[in-house]
Amino acid sequence: HPGCDRKFANSSDRKKHMHVHTNDKPYECRMHGCGKSYTHPSSLRKHM
C-alpha cells in the first residue's frame, strides 16, 4: 500500500495487515446482538 513500509515474512500476514489500509473488518463477533467487527483476528480474540 502506498506509504506503508511494513514488511512481512509471509503473504498471510501481509493480507491481514491490508485490512488496516482498506478499513475492511472481516472478523466479526458471532455473539447474538453484538455486531462488532475487527480488522485483525487478534482484536476479535481480545474482544471475546
N, C-alpha and C. Protein backbone atom coordinates (compact mmCIF):
# COMPACT_ATOMS: atom_id res chain seq x y z
N HIS A 1 0.86 -1.18 0.00
CA HIS A 1 0.00 0.00 0.00
C HIS A 1 0.90 1.23 0.00
N PRO A 2 0.57 2.25 -0.79
CA PRO A 2 1.42 3.45 -0.85
C PRO A 2 1.63 4.08 0.52
N GLY A 3 2.88 4.36 0.84
CA GLY A 3 3.21 5.00 2.10
C GLY A 3 3.43 4.05 3.26
N CYS A 4 3.17 2.77 3.07
CA CYS A 4 3.36 1.79 4.14
C CYS A 4 4.67 1.05 3.91
N ASP A 5 5.54 1.07 4.90
CA ASP A 5 6.85 0.42 4.79
C ASP A 5 6.92 -0.93 5.50
N ARG A 6 5.79 -1.43 5.97
CA ARG A 6 5.79 -2.70 6.69
C ARG A 6 6.23 -3.85 5.79
N LYS A 7 6.99 -4.77 6.35
CA LYS A 7 7.45 -5.97 5.65
C LYS A 7 6.92 -7.18 6.40
N PHE A 8 6.60 -8.24 5.67
CA PHE A 8 6.03 -9.43 6.27
C PHE A 8 6.75 -10.68 5.78
N ALA A 9 6.88 -11.65 6.67
CA ALA A 9 7.56 -12.90 6.34
C ALA A 9 6.72 -13.77 5.41
N ASN A 10 5.41 -13.61 5.47
CA ASN A 10 4.56 -14.43 4.61
C ASN A 10 3.36 -13.62 4.11
N SER A 11 2.77 -14.10 3.04
CA SER A 11 1.67 -13.37 2.41
C SER A 11 0.42 -13.33 3.27
N SER A 12 0.23 -14.32 4.12
CA SER A 12 -0.94 -14.35 5.00
C SER A 12 -0.92 -13.16 5.96
N ASP A 13 0.23 -12.89 6.56
CA ASP A 13 0.35 -11.74 7.46
C ASP A 13 0.15 -10.43 6.71
N ARG A 14 0.68 -10.36 5.49
CA ARG A 14 0.51 -9.15 4.68
C ARG A 14 -0.96 -8.91 4.37
N LYS A 15 -1.69 -9.96 4.02
CA LYS A 15 -3.11 -9.83 3.71
C LYS A 15 -3.89 -9.36 4.93
N LYS A 16 -3.57 -9.88 6.10
CA LYS A 16 -4.25 -9.44 7.32
C LYS A 16 -3.98 -7.96 7.58
N HIS A 17 -2.74 -7.54 7.35
CA HIS A 17 -2.37 -6.14 7.57
C HIS A 17 -3.10 -5.20 6.60
N MET A 18 -3.35 -5.64 5.39
CA MET A 18 -4.01 -4.79 4.40
C MET A 18 -5.39 -4.32 4.85
N HIS A 19 -6.04 -5.05 5.72
CA HIS A 19 -7.35 -4.62 6.23
C HIS A 19 -7.25 -3.27 6.94
N VAL A 20 -6.09 -2.98 7.52
CA VAL A 20 -5.88 -1.70 8.19
C VAL A 20 -6.01 -0.56 7.17
N HIS A 21 -5.49 -0.76 5.98
CA HIS A 21 -5.50 0.28 4.96
C HIS A 21 -6.84 0.39 4.24
N THR A 22 -7.57 -0.69 4.15
CA THR A 22 -8.84 -0.67 3.42
C THR A 22 -10.04 -0.44 4.33
N ASN A 23 -9.80 -0.46 5.64
CA ASN A 23 -10.85 -0.35 6.66
C ASN A 23 -11.85 -1.52 6.57
N ASP A 24 -11.41 -2.59 5.95
CA ASP A 24 -12.21 -3.81 5.88
C ASP A 24 -12.16 -4.48 7.25
N LYS A 25 -13.30 -4.93 7.73
CA LYS A 25 -13.38 -5.57 9.05
C LYS A 25 -14.06 -6.93 8.91
N PRO A 26 -13.31 -7.91 8.40
CA PRO A 26 -13.91 -9.21 8.11
C PRO A 26 -14.06 -10.13 9.32
N TYR A 27 -13.48 -9.76 10.45
CA TYR A 27 -13.52 -10.62 11.64
C TYR A 27 -14.64 -10.15 12.55
N GLU A 28 -15.78 -10.84 12.48
CA GLU A 28 -17.00 -10.41 13.16
C GLU A 28 -17.27 -11.24 14.41
N CYS A 29 -17.74 -10.57 15.45
CA CYS A 29 -18.17 -11.25 16.66
C CYS A 29 -19.49 -11.96 16.36
N ARG A 30 -19.56 -13.22 16.74
CA ARG A 30 -20.77 -14.01 16.44
C ARG A 30 -21.70 -14.12 17.64
N MET A 31 -21.41 -13.38 18.69
CA MET A 31 -22.32 -13.37 19.84
C MET A 31 -23.61 -12.66 19.42
N HIS A 32 -24.73 -13.23 19.76
CA HIS A 32 -26.03 -12.67 19.38
C HIS A 32 -26.17 -11.22 19.85
N GLY A 33 -26.45 -10.34 18.92
CA GLY A 33 -26.70 -8.94 19.24
C GLY A 33 -25.46 -8.06 19.36
N CYS A 34 -24.26 -8.62 19.23
CA CYS A 34 -23.05 -7.81 19.39
C CYS A 34 -22.82 -6.90 18.18
N GLY A 35 -22.58 -7.49 17.03
CA GLY A 35 -22.40 -6.72 15.81
C GLY A 35 -21.04 -6.07 15.61
N LYS A 36 -20.08 -6.28 16.51
CA LYS A 36 -18.76 -5.67 16.34
C LYS A 36 -17.93 -6.45 15.33
N SER A 37 -17.10 -5.70 14.59
CA SER A 37 -16.21 -6.29 13.60
C SER A 37 -14.83 -5.68 13.77
N TYR A 38 -13.81 -6.43 13.35
CA TYR A 38 -12.43 -6.02 13.55
C TYR A 38 -11.59 -6.22 12.30
N THR A 39 -10.52 -5.44 12.20
CA THR A 39 -9.62 -5.54 11.06
C THR A 39 -8.64 -6.69 11.21
N HIS A 40 -8.41 -7.16 12.42
CA HIS A 40 -7.40 -8.19 12.67
C HIS A 40 -7.97 -9.26 13.60
N PRO A 41 -7.65 -10.52 13.36
CA PRO A 41 -8.20 -11.59 14.20
C PRO A 41 -7.80 -11.49 15.68
N SER A 42 -6.63 -10.93 15.96
CA SER A 42 -6.23 -10.80 17.37
C SER A 42 -7.13 -9.81 18.11
N SER A 43 -7.62 -8.81 17.43
CA SER A 43 -8.55 -7.86 18.07
C SER A 43 -9.86 -8.54 18.41
N LEU A 44 -10.32 -9.42 17.55
CA LEU A 44 -11.53 -10.18 17.84
C LEU A 44 -11.30 -11.10 19.04
N ARG A 45 -10.15 -11.75 19.10
CA ARG A 45 -9.84 -12.63 20.24
C ARG A 45 -9.83 -11.84 21.55
N LYS A 46 -9.27 -10.65 21.55
CA LYS A 46 -9.25 -9.81 22.76
C LYS A 46 -10.67 -9.44 23.17
N HIS A 47 -11.52 -9.18 22.20
CA HIS A 47 -12.91 -8.82 22.45
C HIS A 47 -13.65 -9.97 23.15
N MET A 48 -13.35 -11.19 22.72
CA MET A 48 -14.03 -12.36 23.27
C MET A 48 -13.55 -12.61 24.69
